[in-house]
């Protein structure tokens, strides 16, 4: 009976703000481009020319679109991973470490079992990589649930452990011949097929979309998903309703870690075909921004990830054609986050003043 009461309260007390959240995100993006345009004017360049070059670099040709989507796929996975944890009231800042663990685990398995047929080797490699990410994320969930250790601190510290540990392995026992710290190329059967010839875009794009759909169905249509959302909304009420908080917390972080691992797997078994030391340009940390901008909505992460991927893909053309540093893209992304966070920061400051 208690669980049904929790469900009733959760539905009644959480209004549907998805439409307003989307409008807020669009306003934030427009404001960020306007402010960045002012910066571009101050350095004596044309913001119109810069943004046209940025758009052409991201969507001006089939190869440009493929490059944009290729850069967006790992961001989709990390964004979904962080958004999933947010639904459970947790902040997973460890997606960077989880994707490194998942990437190396998938590659090592593929290299150890090269004689398996591709239709078995690829799924098994993906599952093994996801398992690595789930274990890495589950450790943080266990410490949070059993010891009360803040998951932000734990996942942040575990990033460094994962990155340095994988770096040691790829510079040592799993290093291929040559100067570059990387593994051998994975067997053909363990590599994701190319989606567009002569580009780096693979079928991981469809895998990312499938994961978004599965996450949505899991959260909205299953009892485990309901329990995760209930804990995220009000853990005290959820516990009173009979939900096991410890189990739910560990499960949430484990699944989030498994999803984040797919970002590394998509790069190692797709884009590069091997594990390369320090291959990630902070996919995990950018995923936090994507989840925040997408308001924790799994489908919102797709749009946001493509936006960030497009800016990254078009930055080089903007630099070459308009003479604007590619770092301006980082400025725009930072401004988007600032404008999204500003209303919440204002409310926190206002509440602090009222209390004082």
Protein backbone atom coordinates (compact mmCIF):
# COMPACT_ATOMS: atom_id res chain seq x y z
CA UNK A 1 0.00 0.00 0.00
CA UNK A 2 2.85 2.32 0.89
CA UNK A 3 4.46 1.93 -2.53
CA UNK A 4 1.27 2.94 -4.28
CA UNK A 5 1.07 6.05 -2.10
CA UNK A 6 4.59 7.00 -3.12
CA UNK A 7 3.68 6.53 -6.76
CA UNK A 8 0.59 8.68 -6.34
CA UNK A 9 2.54 11.46 -4.67
CA UNK A 10 5.29 11.36 -7.23
CA UNK A 11 2.86 11.75 -10.10
CA UNK A 12 0.93 14.52 -8.36
CA UNK A 13 3.89 16.53 -7.12
CA UNK A 14 6.10 16.45 -10.22
CA UNK A 15 4.60 18.63 -12.95
CA UNK A 16 5.37 18.01 -16.58
CA UNK A 17 7.89 20.73 -17.39
CA UNK A 18 9.42 19.16 -20.48
CA UNK A 19 8.01 21.85 -22.81
CA UNK A 20 9.27 24.75 -20.68
CA UNK A 21 12.63 23.01 -20.19
CA UNK A 22 13.05 22.70 -23.95
CA UNK A 23 12.25 26.40 -24.43
CA UNK A 24 14.72 27.31 -21.69
CA UNK A 25 17.44 25.24 -23.37
CA UNK A 26 16.77 26.91 -26.74
CA UNK A 27 16.95 30.36 -25.16
CA UNK A 28 20.23 29.43 -23.48
CA UNK A 29 21.73 28.33 -26.80
CA UNK A 30 20.61 31.50 -28.60
CA UNK A 31 21.99 33.70 -25.82
CA UNK A 32 25.30 31.84 -25.84
CA UNK A 33 25.74 32.37 -29.59
CA UNK A 34 24.83 36.06 -29.22
CA UNK A 35 27.35 36.63 -26.44
CA UNK A 36 30.03 34.66 -28.30
CA UNK A 37 29.25 36.83 -31.34
CA UNK A 38 30.08 39.90 -29.28
CA UNK A 39 33.44 38.35 -28.35
CA UNK A 40 34.11 37.66 -32.03
CA UNK A 41 33.31 41.28 -32.90
CA UNK A 42 35.69 42.50 -30.19
CA UNK A 43 38.58 40.65 -31.86
CA UNK A 44 37.74 42.27 -35.18
CA UNK A 45 36.08 39.35 -36.95
CA UNK A 46 32.61 38.81 -38.35
CA UNK A 47 30.35 36.58 -36.24
CA UNK A 48 28.13 35.95 -39.27
CA UNK A 49 31.05 34.64 -41.30
CA UNK A 50 32.24 32.60 -38.33
CA UNK A 51 28.88 30.93 -37.77
CA UNK A 52 28.37 30.25 -41.48
CA UNK A 53 31.75 28.55 -41.59
CA UNK A 54 30.88 26.63 -38.42
CA UNK A 55 27.62 25.41 -39.95
CA UNK A 56 29.26 24.46 -43.24
CA UNK A 57 31.98 22.56 -41.41
CA UNK A 58 29.35 20.60 -39.52
CA UNK A 59 26.65 20.06 -42.16
CA UNK A 60 28.07 21.31 -45.49
CA UNK A 61 28.60 17.88 -47.05
CA UNK A 62 27.95 14.19 -46.49
CA UNK A 63 31.40 13.73 -44.98
CA UNK A 64 30.85 16.76 -42.73
CA UNK A 65 27.55 15.34 -41.48
CA UNK A 66 29.20 11.98 -40.92
CA UNK A 67 31.99 13.68 -38.96
CA UNK A 68 29.43 15.55 -36.84
CA UNK A 69 27.50 12.38 -36.05
CA UNK A 70 30.72 10.49 -35.33
CA UNK A 71 31.70 13.10 -32.75
CA UNK A 72 28.16 13.10 -31.33
CA UNK A 73 27.83 9.35 -30.68
CA UNK A 74 30.15 9.07 -27.65
CA UNK A 75 28.59 12.26 -26.25
CA UNK A 76 25.15 10.64 -26.56
CA UNK A 77 26.31 7.71 -24.46
CA UNK A 78 27.93 9.79 -21.74
CA UNK A 79 25.01 12.22 -21.73
CA UNK A 80 22.52 9.37 -21.32
CA UNK A 81 24.69 7.83 -18.58
CA UNK A 82 24.74 11.04 -16.54
CA UNK A 83 21.04 11.67 -17.20
CA UNK A 84 20.19 8.15 -16.01
CA UNK A 85 22.02 8.72 -12.72
CA UNK A 86 20.24 12.06 -12.34
CA UNK A 87 16.90 10.28 -12.51
CA UNK A 88 17.98 8.37 -9.40
CA UNK A 89 19.04 11.53 -7.58
CA UNK A 90 22.75 10.88 -8.21
CA UNK A 91 25.43 12.82 -10.05
CA UNK A 92 27.80 10.58 -11.95
CA UNK A 93 30.91 12.60 -12.81
CA UNK A 94 32.85 9.40 -13.42
CA UNK A 95 31.72 8.68 -16.97
CA UNK A 96 35.22 9.50 -18.20
CA UNK A 97 36.80 6.72 -16.16
CA UNK A 98 33.97 4.30 -16.89
CA UNK A 99 34.35 4.74 -20.65
CA UNK A 100 38.09 4.05 -20.40
CA UNK A 101 37.49 0.85 -18.44
CA UNK A 102 34.79 -0.26 -20.87
CA UNK A 103 36.91 0.53 -23.93
CA UNK A 104 39.94 -1.43 -22.78
CA UNK A 105 37.88 -4.36 -21.49
CA UNK A 106 36.09 -4.73 -24.84
CA UNK A 107 39.33 -4.56 -26.82
CA UNK A 108 41.20 -7.01 -24.59
CA UNK A 109 38.41 -9.58 -24.88
CA UNK A 110 38.29 -9.16 -28.66
CA UNK A 111 42.06 -9.67 -28.88
CA UNK A 112 41.97 -12.73 -26.62
CA UNK A 113 39.21 -14.46 -28.60
CA UNK A 114 40.07 -13.65 -32.23
CA UNK A 115 38.75 -16.94 -33.63
CA UNK A 116 35.16 -16.43 -32.56
CA UNK A 117 32.76 -15.64 -35.41
CA UNK A 118 31.92 -11.96 -35.70
CA UNK A 119 28.24 -12.33 -34.83
CA UNK A 120 29.37 -13.70 -31.45
CA UNK A 121 32.62 -11.79 -30.89
CA UNK A 122 31.21 -8.28 -31.31
CA UNK A 123 28.22 -8.68 -28.94
CA UNK A 124 30.38 -10.47 -26.36
CA UNK A 125 33.03 -7.74 -26.54
CA UNK A 126 30.35 -5.07 -26.09
CA UNK A 127 28.84 -6.89 -23.11
CA UNK A 128 32.24 -7.40 -21.49
CA UNK A 129 33.05 -3.71 -21.90
CA UNK A 130 29.68 -2.73 -20.43
CA UNK A 131 30.29 -5.10 -17.53
CA UNK A 132 33.57 -3.32 -16.83
CA UNK A 133 31.80 0.04 -16.77
CA UNK A 134 29.04 -1.36 -14.55
CA UNK A 135 31.55 -2.67 -12.02
CA UNK A 136 33.38 0.66 -12.02
CA UNK A 137 30.14 2.61 -11.56
CA UNK A 138 28.75 0.07 -9.09
CA UNK A 139 31.72 0.61 -6.76
CA UNK A 140 30.75 4.26 -6.39
CA UNK A 141 27.11 3.25 -5.87
CA UNK A 142 28.10 0.75 -3.18
CA UNK A 143 30.20 3.32 -1.31
CA UNK A 144 27.34 5.82 -1.54
CA UNK A 145 24.69 3.36 -0.35
CA UNK A 146 26.69 1.48 2.31
CA UNK A 147 29.11 4.10 3.60
CA UNK A 148 27.39 7.36 2.75
CA UNK A 149 30.38 8.54 0.69
CA UNK A 150 29.49 11.34 -1.72
CA UNK A 151 29.27 9.87 -5.20
CA UNK A 152 30.67 13.04 -6.80
CA UNK A 153 33.95 12.74 -4.90
CA UNK A 154 34.22 8.98 -5.46
CA UNK A 155 33.49 9.04 -9.18
CA UNK A 156 35.77 12.03 -9.71
CA UNK A 157 38.70 10.28 -8.02
CA UNK A 158 37.97 7.01 -9.81
CA UNK A 159 38.38 8.82 -13.14
CA UNK A 160 42.07 9.29 -12.45
CA UNK A 161 42.48 5.69 -11.31
CA UNK A 162 40.82 4.37 -14.47
CA UNK A 163 42.73 6.63 -16.88
CA UNK A 164 46.11 5.94 -15.27
CA UNK A 165 45.42 2.21 -14.92
CA UNK A 166 44.45 1.81 -18.58
CA UNK A 167 47.42 3.95 -19.56
CA UNK A 168 49.74 1.61 -17.66
CA UNK A 169 48.24 -1.43 -19.38
CA UNK A 170 48.42 0.02 -22.88
CA UNK A 171 52.00 1.15 -22.28
CA UNK A 172 52.90 -2.25 -20.84
CA UNK A 173 51.36 -5.71 -21.25
CA UNK A 174 48.90 -4.78 -24.03
CA UNK A 175 51.09 -2.39 -26.02
CA UNK A 176 51.46 -3.05 -29.73
CA UNK A 177 54.81 -2.64 -31.47
CA UNK A 178 55.79 0.93 -32.22
CA UNK A 179 56.12 4.25 -30.44
CA UNK A 180 52.40 4.97 -30.00
CA UNK A 181 50.86 3.59 -26.78
CA UNK A 182 48.03 1.53 -28.24
CA UNK A 183 46.85 -2.06 -28.53
CA UNK A 184 46.85 -4.24 -31.61
CA UNK A 185 44.00 -3.75 -34.05
CA UNK A 186 40.94 -5.78 -33.03
CA UNK A 187 39.80 -8.63 -35.31
CA UNK A 188 37.50 -7.64 -38.15
CA UNK A 189 34.61 -9.48 -36.55
CA UNK A 190 34.88 -7.31 -33.42
CA UNK A 191 34.78 -3.99 -35.30
CA UNK A 192 31.57 -2.04 -35.82
CA UNK A 193 30.70 -1.82 -39.54
CA UNK A 194 31.05 1.55 -41.25
CA UNK A 195 27.78 3.33 -41.86
CA UNK A 196 29.15 5.59 -44.60
CA UNK A 197 32.21 4.46 -46.61
CA UNK A 198 35.43 6.49 -46.25
CA UNK A 199 34.23 8.07 -43.01
CA UNK A 200 34.62 7.14 -39.36
CA UNK A 201 30.87 6.94 -38.77
CA UNK A 202 29.77 3.45 -37.76
CA UNK A 203 26.54 1.71 -36.80
CA UNK A 204 27.14 2.86 -33.21
CA UNK A 205 24.84 5.74 -34.16
CA UNK A 206 21.93 3.28 -34.25
CA UNK A 207 23.18 1.67 -31.05
CA UNK A 208 23.06 5.05 -29.31
CA UNK A 209 19.50 5.67 -30.48
CA UNK A 210 18.53 2.15 -29.35
CA UNK A 211 20.03 2.79 -25.91
CA UNK A 212 18.03 6.02 -25.59
CA UNK A 213 14.81 4.15 -26.36
CA UNK A 214 15.66 1.30 -23.97
CA UNK A 215 16.54 3.75 -21.17
CA UNK A 216 13.24 5.55 -21.66
CA UNK A 217 11.27 2.29 -21.61
CA UNK A 218 13.23 1.04 -18.59
CA UNK A 219 12.56 4.19 -16.57
CA UNK A 220 8.93 4.60 -17.58
CA UNK A 221 7.64 1.06 -18.01
CA UNK A 222 9.45 -1.16 -15.50
CA UNK A 223 9.19 -1.51 -11.73
CA UNK A 224 12.97 -1.03 -11.36
CA UNK A 225 12.77 2.16 -13.39
CA UNK A 226 9.89 3.39 -11.25
CA UNK A 227 11.88 2.70 -8.09
CA UNK A 228 14.87 4.62 -9.44
CA UNK A 229 12.67 7.61 -10.26
CA UNK A 230 10.95 7.42 -6.89
CA UNK A 231 14.27 7.44 -5.04
CA UNK A 232 15.41 10.35 -7.17
CA UNK A 233 12.29 12.35 -6.37
CA UNK A 234 12.15 11.64 -2.63
CA UNK A 235 14.32 8.94 -1.11
CA UNK A 236 12.64 9.15 2.32
CA UNK A 237 9.17 8.69 0.88
CA UNK A 238 10.43 5.92 -1.40
CA UNK A 239 11.96 4.06 1.55
CA UNK A 240 8.73 4.46 3.50
CA UNK A 241 6.93 2.96 0.52
CA UNK A 242 9.02 -0.19 0.69
CA UNK A 243 11.72 0.59 -1.88
CA UNK A 244 15.18 -0.76 -1.05
CA UNK A 245 17.36 2.37 -1.22
CA UNK A 246 20.71 0.57 -1.06
CA UNK A 247 19.89 -1.81 -3.90
CA UNK A 248 18.42 0.97 -6.03
CA UNK A 249 21.42 3.27 -5.54
CA UNK A 250 23.91 0.58 -6.52
CA UNK A 251 21.78 -0.46 -9.51
CA UNK A 252 21.48 3.14 -10.70
CA UNK A 253 25.21 3.79 -10.63
CA UNK A 254 26.01 0.40 -12.17
CA UNK A 255 23.68 0.93 -15.13
CA UNK A 256 24.94 4.48 -15.55
CA UNK A 257 28.51 3.16 -15.65
CA UNK A 258 27.57 0.51 -18.20
CA UNK A 259 26.02 3.11 -20.50
CA UNK A 260 29.06 5.38 -20.14
CA UNK A 261 31.29 2.43 -21.09
CA UNK A 262 29.52 2.32 -24.47
CA UNK A 263 31.13 5.68 -25.30
CA UNK A 264 34.56 4.10 -25.02
CA UNK A 265 33.46 0.92 -26.76
CA UNK A 266 32.07 2.91 -29.70
CA UNK A 267 35.45 4.58 -30.13
CA UNK A 268 37.69 1.57 -29.57
CA UNK A 269 35.67 -0.95 -31.62
CA UNK A 270 34.34 1.61 -34.07
CA UNK A 271 36.26 4.81 -34.77
CA UNK A 272 39.80 3.52 -34.08
CA UNK A 273 39.54 -0.26 -34.12
CA UNK A 274 41.87 -0.47 -31.13
CA UNK A 275 42.46 1.08 -27.71
CA UNK A 276 44.63 4.21 -27.83
CA UNK A 277 46.04 5.86 -24.73
CA UNK A 278 44.20 9.08 -23.78
CA UNK A 279 41.83 8.77 -26.75
CA UNK A 280 38.99 10.68 -25.09
CA UNK A 281 38.85 14.49 -25.37
CA UNK A 282 36.85 14.58 -22.11
CA UNK A 283 33.75 12.81 -23.46
CA UNK A 284 32.72 11.99 -19.91
CA UNK A 285 32.88 15.53 -18.59
CA UNK A 286 31.14 16.94 -21.66
CA UNK A 287 28.40 14.36 -21.03
CA UNK A 288 27.60 16.15 -17.77
CA UNK A 289 26.94 19.36 -19.68
CA UNK A 290 24.84 17.48 -22.24
CA UNK A 291 22.72 15.86 -19.52
CA UNK A 292 22.19 19.22 -17.81
CA UNK A 293 21.28 20.96 -21.06
CA UNK A 294 18.96 18.09 -21.96
CA UNK A 295 17.34 18.39 -18.52
CA UNK A 296 17.99 14.71 -17.83
CA UNK A 297 15.69 13.67 -20.69
CA UNK A 298 17.13 10.69 -22.64
CA UNK A 299 15.77 12.04 -25.94
CA UNK A 300 17.01 15.54 -25.14
CA UNK A 301 20.53 14.18 -24.90
CA UNK A 302 20.46 13.21 -28.59
CA UNK A 303 19.73 16.76 -29.72
CA UNK A 304 22.22 18.26 -27.31
CA UNK A 305 24.95 15.77 -28.23
CA UNK A 306 24.49 16.53 -31.94
CA UNK A 307 24.71 20.26 -31.14
CA UNK A 308 27.99 19.79 -29.29
CA UNK A 309 29.27 17.39 -31.95
CA UNK A 310 28.41 19.89 -34.69
CA UNK A 311 30.30 22.68 -32.93
CA UNK A 312 33.30 20.43 -32.51
CA UNK A 313 33.19 19.23 -36.13
CA UNK A 314 32.76 22.75 -37.54
CA UNK A 315 35.37 24.44 -35.37
CA UNK A 316 38.29 23.68 -37.71
CA UNK A 317 36.55 25.19 -40.74
CA UNK A 318 35.60 28.23 -38.66
CA UNK A 319 39.26 28.62 -37.79
CA UNK A 320 40.44 28.13 -41.37
CA UNK A 321 37.83 30.26 -43.16
CA UNK A 322 36.89 32.94 -40.64
CA UNK A 323 40.16 33.10 -38.70
CA UNK A 324 38.44 32.34 -35.38
CA UNK A 325 40.22 30.08 -32.91
CA UNK A 326 38.66 26.65 -32.52
CA UNK A 327 38.68 27.37 -28.78
CA UNK A 328 35.71 29.68 -29.37
CA UNK A 329 33.60 26.50 -29.51
CA UNK A 330 34.57 25.80 -25.90
CA UNK A 331 33.51 29.35 -25.04
CA UNK A 332 30.11 28.80 -26.65
CA UNK A 333 29.63 25.47 -24.87
CA UNK A 334 30.57 27.07 -21.55
CA UNK A 335 28.13 29.91 -22.13
CA UNK A 336 25.33 27.42 -22.86
CA UNK A 337 25.97 25.73 -19.51
CA UNK A 338 26.17 29.11 -17.74
CA UNK A 339 22.86 30.29 -19.14
CA UNK A 340 21.20 26.99 -18.24
CA UNK A 341 22.56 27.09 -14.69
CA UNK A 342 22.02 30.83 -14.10
CA UNK A 343 18.32 30.62 -13.06
CA UNK A 344 19.05 27.88 -10.53
CA UNK A 345 22.08 29.78 -9.19
CA UNK A 346 19.92 32.88 -8.80
CA UNK A 347 17.27 30.94 -6.87
CA UNK A 348 19.91 29.47 -4.53
CA UNK A 349 21.41 32.94 -3.87
CA UNK A 350 17.96 34.42 -3.33
CA UNK A 351 17.05 31.65 -0.88
CA UNK A 352 20.31 32.28 1.00
CA UNK A 353 19.53 35.97 1.33
CA UNK A 354 16.06 35.26 2.66
CA UNK A 355 17.41 32.91 5.30
CA UNK A 356 19.97 35.48 6.41
